[in-house]
N, C-alpha and C. Protein backbone atom coordinates (compact mmCIF):
# COMPACT_ATOMS: atom_id res chain seq x y z
N MET A 1 21.40 144.55 6.36
CA MET A 1 22.09 143.43 5.58
C MET A 1 22.13 142.26 6.58
N PHE A 2 21.73 141.06 5.70
CA PHE A 2 21.86 140.02 6.50
C PHE A 2 23.24 139.11 5.84
N ILE A 3 23.69 138.62 6.84
CA ILE A 3 25.03 137.97 6.62
C ILE A 3 25.00 136.32 7.12
N THR A 4 25.11 135.49 6.33
CA THR A 4 25.13 134.05 6.93
C THR A 4 26.84 133.69 6.92
N GLU A 5 27.10 133.00 7.97
CA GLU A 5 28.41 132.49 8.13
C GLU A 5 28.52 131.10 7.53
N LYS A 6 29.52 130.88 6.93
CA LYS A 6 29.50 129.62 6.44
C LYS A 6 30.04 128.47 7.45
N PRO A 7 29.52 127.14 7.45
CA PRO A 7 29.71 126.40 8.48
C PRO A 7 31.35 125.96 8.42
N ALA A 8 32.11 126.04 7.42
CA ALA A 8 33.59 125.81 7.48
C ALA A 8 34.38 127.06 8.17
N VAL A 9 33.76 128.12 8.08
CA VAL A 9 34.44 129.55 8.65
C VAL A 9 34.28 129.17 10.18
N ILE A 10 32.91 129.02 10.60
CA ILE A 10 32.64 128.92 11.96
C ILE A 10 33.66 127.70 12.35
N LYS A 11 33.66 126.44 11.73
CA LYS A 11 34.39 125.50 12.26
C LYS A 11 35.79 125.87 12.39
N LEU A 12 36.50 126.66 11.47
CA LEU A 12 37.85 127.19 11.74
C LEU A 12 37.96 128.09 12.99
N GLN A 13 37.01 129.12 12.89
CA GLN A 13 36.95 129.77 14.29
C GLN A 13 36.89 129.21 15.58
N ASP A 14 36.13 127.97 15.69
CA ASP A 14 36.04 127.15 16.67
C ASP A 14 37.39 126.47 17.18
N PHE A 15 37.94 125.88 15.97
CA PHE A 15 39.34 125.45 16.04
C PHE A 15 40.33 126.14 16.55
N LEU A 16 40.47 127.45 16.03
CA LEU A 16 41.50 128.34 16.25
C LEU A 16 41.47 128.89 18.00
N ARG A 17 39.94 129.06 18.24
CA ARG A 17 39.82 129.26 19.56
C ARG A 17 40.31 128.21 20.60
N THR A 18 39.72 126.85 20.34
CA THR A 18 40.13 125.92 21.09
C THR A 18 41.53 125.31 21.00
N HIS A 19 42.43 125.69 20.20
CA HIS A 19 43.57 125.08 19.88
C HIS A 19 44.52 126.30 19.85
N SER A 20 44.33 127.54 20.39
CA SER A 20 45.04 128.76 20.27
C SER A 20 46.49 128.48 20.77
N GLU A 21 46.40 128.09 21.96
CA GLU A 21 47.83 127.91 22.76
C GLU A 21 48.71 126.79 22.06
N GLY A 22 48.14 125.71 21.83
CA GLY A 22 48.84 124.79 20.91
C GLY A 22 49.51 125.14 19.75
N LEU A 23 48.71 125.99 18.93
CA LEU A 23 49.17 126.71 17.75
C LEU A 23 50.04 127.74 17.85
N GLN A 24 49.88 128.45 18.87
CA GLN A 24 51.04 129.52 19.11
C GLN A 24 52.20 128.78 19.67
N SER A 25 52.14 127.74 20.47
CA SER A 25 53.52 126.97 21.05
C SER A 25 54.08 126.61 19.79
N ALA A 26 53.33 125.50 18.91
CA ALA A 26 53.94 125.01 17.61
C ALA A 26 54.41 125.98 16.79
N SER A 27 53.90 127.11 16.72
CA SER A 27 54.52 128.27 15.84
C SER A 27 56.04 128.87 16.33
N LEU A 28 55.99 128.88 17.85
CA LEU A 28 57.02 129.10 18.35
C LEU A 28 58.23 128.27 18.38
N LEU A 29 57.88 126.96 18.51
CA LEU A 29 59.00 125.95 18.16
C LEU A 29 59.37 125.92 16.73
N LEU A 30 58.66 125.85 15.73
CA LEU A 30 58.96 125.77 14.79
C LEU A 30 59.26 126.86 13.65
N GLY A 31 59.12 128.13 14.28
CA GLY A 31 59.30 129.43 13.42
C GLY A 31 59.91 130.64 14.32
N GLY A 32 60.00 130.32 15.64
CA GLY A 32 60.47 131.46 16.43
C GLY A 32 59.40 132.59 16.82
N ILE A 33 60.03 133.67 17.20
CA ILE A 33 59.05 134.92 17.64
C ILE A 33 58.27 135.25 16.51
N PRO A 34 59.01 135.48 15.12
CA PRO A 34 58.13 136.09 13.97
C PRO A 34 56.90 135.09 13.58
N ALA A 35 57.27 133.65 13.71
CA ALA A 35 55.96 132.93 13.41
C ALA A 35 54.85 132.93 14.59
N LEU A 36 55.54 132.89 15.73
CA LEU A 36 54.53 133.32 16.94
C LEU A 36 53.62 134.30 16.79
N ASN A 37 54.13 135.54 16.59
CA ASN A 37 53.57 137.00 16.38
C ASN A 37 52.52 136.70 15.17
N ALA A 38 52.97 136.03 13.94
CA ALA A 38 52.16 135.99 12.80
C ALA A 38 50.79 135.12 13.24
N THR A 39 51.08 133.87 13.96
CA THR A 39 50.04 133.14 14.23
C THR A 39 48.92 133.72 15.28
N ASN A 40 49.56 134.56 16.25
CA ASN A 40 48.66 135.04 17.25
C ASN A 40 47.85 136.13 16.62
N GLY A 41 48.26 136.86 15.59
CA GLY A 41 47.33 137.85 14.93
C GLY A 41 46.45 137.13 13.85
N LEU A 42 46.94 136.14 13.21
CA LEU A 42 46.09 135.49 12.62
C LEU A 42 44.87 134.95 13.29
N ILE A 43 45.05 134.28 14.34
CA ILE A 43 44.13 133.91 15.03
C ILE A 43 43.15 134.84 15.72
N ASP A 44 43.67 135.95 16.09
CA ASP A 44 42.91 136.96 16.41
C ASP A 44 42.14 137.48 15.36
N ASP A 45 42.45 137.96 14.06
CA ASP A 45 41.73 138.46 13.06
C ASP A 45 40.65 137.54 12.65
N ILE A 46 40.96 136.21 12.47
CA ILE A 46 40.18 135.21 12.10
C ILE A 46 38.92 135.30 13.00
N CYS A 47 39.29 135.23 14.21
CA CYS A 47 38.13 134.96 15.50
C CYS A 47 37.40 136.20 15.60
N GLU A 48 37.82 137.57 15.16
CA GLU A 48 37.17 138.64 15.68
C GLU A 48 36.52 139.13 14.48
N GLY A 49 36.86 138.57 13.15
CA GLY A 49 36.00 139.02 11.89
C GLY A 49 35.12 138.03 11.34
N SER A 50 34.27 138.07 10.30
CA SER A 50 33.20 137.46 9.90
C SER A 50 33.63 136.98 8.29
N ASP A 51 34.70 137.46 7.75
CA ASP A 51 35.02 137.09 6.42
C ASP A 51 36.47 136.86 6.31
N LEU A 52 36.78 135.93 5.68
CA LEU A 52 38.24 135.35 5.33
C LEU A 52 38.74 136.26 4.10
N THR A 53 39.34 137.25 4.39
CA THR A 53 40.04 138.14 3.29
C THR A 53 41.08 137.34 2.68
N ARG A 54 41.61 137.60 1.45
CA ARG A 54 42.58 137.06 0.72
C ARG A 54 44.00 137.11 1.82
N ARG A 55 44.19 138.16 2.45
CA ARG A 55 45.15 137.96 3.58
C ARG A 55 45.12 136.96 4.43
N LEU A 56 44.04 137.00 5.05
CA LEU A 56 43.87 135.94 6.10
C LEU A 56 43.88 134.49 5.32
N ARG A 57 43.49 134.06 4.30
CA ARG A 57 43.75 132.90 3.73
C ARG A 57 45.15 132.52 3.38
N HIS A 58 45.81 133.71 3.13
CA HIS A 58 47.42 133.41 2.78
C HIS A 58 47.83 132.96 4.03
N GLY A 59 47.54 133.73 5.14
CA GLY A 59 48.05 133.64 6.45
C GLY A 59 47.88 131.83 6.93
N LEU A 60 46.54 131.66 6.70
CA LEU A 60 46.33 130.20 6.93
C LEU A 60 47.26 129.20 6.19
N VAL A 61 47.54 129.55 4.96
CA VAL A 61 48.19 128.63 3.94
C VAL A 61 49.74 128.57 4.57
N ARG A 62 50.17 129.78 5.00
CA ARG A 62 51.64 129.98 5.80
C ARG A 62 51.52 129.09 7.09
N LEU A 63 50.54 129.21 7.78
CA LEU A 63 50.39 128.46 9.13
C LEU A 63 50.45 126.85 8.73
N ASN A 64 49.90 126.40 7.66
CA ASN A 64 49.67 125.18 7.29
C ASN A 64 51.12 124.77 6.85
N HIS A 65 51.94 125.67 6.16
CA HIS A 65 53.15 125.23 5.70
C HIS A 65 54.42 125.20 6.91
N LEU A 66 53.92 125.85 7.78
CA LEU A 66 54.77 125.82 9.01
C LEU A 66 54.47 124.63 9.90
N LEU A 67 53.24 124.12 10.13
CA LEU A 67 52.95 122.88 10.91
C LEU A 67 53.24 121.71 10.18
N SER A 68 53.34 121.61 9.02
CA SER A 68 53.55 120.49 7.91
C SER A 68 54.95 120.60 7.61
N LEU A 69 55.83 121.38 8.21
CA LEU A 69 57.33 121.25 7.98
C LEU A 69 57.54 121.51 6.62
N GLU A 70 56.86 122.22 5.81
CA GLU A 70 57.20 122.22 4.53
C GLU A 70 58.44 122.81 4.02
N PHE A 71 59.14 123.70 4.88
CA PHE A 71 60.27 124.39 4.36
C PHE A 71 61.62 124.10 5.28
N VAL A 72 61.41 122.80 6.03
CA VAL A 72 62.59 122.64 6.99
C VAL A 72 63.86 122.25 6.14
N HIS A 73 63.54 121.77 4.89
CA HIS A 73 64.92 120.97 4.24
C HIS A 73 65.66 122.24 3.38
N GLU A 74 65.00 123.39 3.51
CA GLU A 74 65.67 124.62 2.61
C GLU A 74 66.44 125.27 3.77
N LEU A 75 67.65 124.90 3.88
CA LEU A 75 68.78 125.64 4.81
C LEU A 75 68.98 126.92 4.86
N TYR A 76 68.29 127.71 4.15
CA TYR A 76 68.43 129.11 4.21
C TYR A 76 67.22 129.73 4.79
N ARG A 77 66.27 129.03 5.09
CA ARG A 77 65.16 129.31 5.89
C ARG A 77 65.53 129.16 7.42
N PRO A 78 64.85 130.07 8.21
CA PRO A 78 64.85 129.94 9.68
C PRO A 78 64.19 128.62 9.95
N GLU A 79 63.05 128.10 9.43
CA GLU A 79 62.33 126.85 9.86
C GLU A 79 63.44 125.86 10.25
N ALA A 80 64.44 125.68 9.08
CA ALA A 80 65.49 124.56 9.15
C ALA A 80 66.14 124.56 10.18
N ALA A 81 66.64 125.79 10.89
CA ALA A 81 67.40 125.89 12.23
C ALA A 81 66.29 125.31 13.45
N TYR A 82 65.13 125.86 13.35
CA TYR A 82 64.31 125.71 14.60
C TYR A 82 64.04 123.87 14.48
N PHE A 83 63.86 123.48 13.23
CA PHE A 83 63.58 122.13 13.14
C PHE A 83 64.84 121.38 13.61
N ALA A 84 65.98 121.54 13.23
CA ALA A 84 67.26 120.83 13.73
C ALA A 84 67.17 120.91 15.32
N ASP A 85 66.52 121.82 16.08
CA ASP A 85 66.85 121.77 17.52
C ASP A 85 65.64 120.93 18.29
N LEU A 86 64.58 120.47 17.36
CA LEU A 86 63.56 119.87 18.05
C LEU A 86 63.98 118.18 18.36
N ASP A 87 63.38 117.58 19.41
CA ASP A 87 63.70 116.43 19.91
C ASP A 87 62.42 115.49 19.15
N PRO A 88 62.86 114.68 18.27
CA PRO A 88 61.54 113.80 17.52
C PRO A 88 61.00 112.90 18.48
N GLY A 89 61.58 112.61 19.77
CA GLY A 89 60.88 111.90 20.65
C GLY A 89 60.04 112.51 21.54
N ALA A 90 60.03 113.99 21.41
CA ALA A 90 59.21 114.84 22.74
C ALA A 90 57.84 114.69 22.26
N PRO A 91 57.01 114.73 23.18
CA PRO A 91 55.49 114.46 23.15
C PRO A 91 54.75 115.67 22.32
N TYR A 92 55.52 116.72 22.19
CA TYR A 92 54.91 118.02 21.48
C TYR A 92 54.99 117.71 19.90
N VAL A 93 55.97 116.51 19.50
CA VAL A 93 55.87 116.40 18.23
C VAL A 93 54.66 115.96 17.70
N GLU A 94 54.03 114.82 18.40
CA GLU A 94 52.63 114.32 18.08
C GLU A 94 51.55 115.40 17.87
N ASP A 95 51.62 116.14 19.03
CA ASP A 95 50.74 117.32 19.27
C ASP A 95 50.64 118.20 17.81
N ILE A 96 51.94 118.65 17.56
CA ILE A 96 52.13 119.39 16.35
C ILE A 96 51.45 118.79 15.20
N CYS A 97 51.92 117.33 14.94
CA CYS A 97 51.24 116.31 13.95
C CYS A 97 49.64 116.44 13.71
N LEU A 98 49.05 116.42 15.12
CA LEU A 98 47.43 116.25 14.97
C LEU A 98 47.08 117.70 14.65
N LEU A 99 47.69 118.59 15.07
CA LEU A 99 47.25 120.19 14.76
C LEU A 99 47.31 120.30 13.20
N SER A 100 48.28 119.92 12.70
CA SER A 100 48.73 119.98 11.14
C SER A 100 47.64 119.19 10.47
N GLU A 101 47.19 118.23 10.79
CA GLU A 101 46.25 117.36 10.19
C GLU A 101 44.82 117.89 10.29
N ALA A 102 44.70 118.66 11.49
CA ALA A 102 43.27 118.95 11.86
C ALA A 102 42.99 120.17 10.93
N LEU A 103 44.13 121.05 10.69
CA LEU A 103 44.11 122.36 10.13
C LEU A 103 43.91 121.88 8.55
N LYS A 104 44.69 120.91 8.15
CA LYS A 104 44.43 120.63 6.62
C LYS A 104 43.12 120.21 6.53
N ASP A 105 42.54 119.76 7.31
CA ASP A 105 41.09 119.20 7.13
C ASP A 105 40.22 120.33 7.02
N ILE A 106 40.41 121.28 7.92
CA ILE A 106 39.54 122.68 7.87
C ILE A 106 39.75 123.28 6.57
N LEU A 107 41.14 123.29 6.05
CA LEU A 107 41.56 124.19 4.96
C LEU A 107 40.64 123.58 3.79
N PHE A 108 40.73 122.14 3.75
CA PHE A 108 40.00 121.54 2.53
C PHE A 108 38.60 121.75 2.54
N ARG A 109 37.84 121.81 3.76
CA ARG A 109 36.35 122.07 3.86
C ARG A 109 36.32 123.69 3.36
N LEU A 110 37.12 124.46 3.81
CA LEU A 110 37.06 125.76 3.28
C LEU A 110 37.13 125.87 1.97
N ASP A 111 37.97 125.26 1.14
CA ASP A 111 38.34 125.31 -0.11
C ASP A 111 37.10 125.03 -0.93
N GLN A 112 36.55 123.81 -0.21
CA GLN A 112 35.23 123.30 -0.87
C GLN A 112 34.17 124.53 -0.82
N GLU A 113 34.07 125.32 0.10
CA GLU A 113 32.90 126.24 0.42
C GLU A 113 33.41 127.70 -0.12
N ILE A 114 34.22 128.14 -0.11
CA ILE A 114 34.72 129.29 -0.81
C ILE A 114 34.65 129.37 -2.23
N VAL A 115 33.74 130.09 -2.68
CA VAL A 115 33.58 129.94 -4.23
C VAL A 115 34.57 131.53 -4.90
N GLN A 116 35.61 131.20 -5.66
CA GLN A 116 36.20 132.35 -6.12
C GLN A 116 35.72 132.70 -7.54
N PRO A 117 35.64 133.98 -7.77
CA PRO A 117 35.00 134.38 -8.89
C PRO A 117 36.03 134.03 -10.14
N VAL A 118 35.38 133.69 -11.20
CA VAL A 118 36.24 133.28 -12.36
C VAL A 118 36.22 134.50 -13.30
N PHE A 119 37.46 134.94 -13.85
CA PHE A 119 37.43 136.12 -14.66
C PHE A 119 37.90 135.51 -15.97
N LEU A 120 37.01 135.71 -16.84
CA LEU A 120 37.27 135.41 -18.27
C LEU A 120 37.96 136.41 -18.90
N PRO A 121 38.91 135.83 -19.84
CA PRO A 121 39.79 136.93 -20.58
C PRO A 121 39.06 137.74 -21.66
N LEU A 122 39.32 138.93 -21.85
CA LEU A 122 38.45 139.72 -22.76
C LEU A 122 38.69 139.10 -23.99
N MET A 123 37.77 138.99 -24.93
CA MET A 123 37.89 138.49 -26.16
C MET A 123 38.05 139.72 -27.10
N ALA A 124 39.10 139.66 -28.11
CA ALA A 124 39.29 140.85 -28.87
C ALA A 124 38.49 140.61 -30.18
N THR A 125 37.69 141.66 -30.50
CA THR A 125 36.66 141.66 -31.54
C THR A 125 37.65 142.08 -32.71
């Protein structure tokens, strides 16, 4: 069986390999050990596999939400506490912003490349 890899998936794998350490550090800063473990597993699974499963795509969305500070204003979430401890003037803040923007760009390209099947509702006769 011949498998062709999609350019956006290859770009994603390259991005994750190149920025693995930065993504893991950002995850630890923004979400603690659980986020670090999730990011580490996500990077390994995507870089070792050839297909982006629904679980992996969901993991990418969660990573994007973490890096883009999606939930820091919801006080019941752990991200709010980690965010409160950050120093806005620290150099890692700019690094996290750059990683977030790069990941968003890759996710946009993936979205354009991955074709989801359309399920038409069964028509009653």
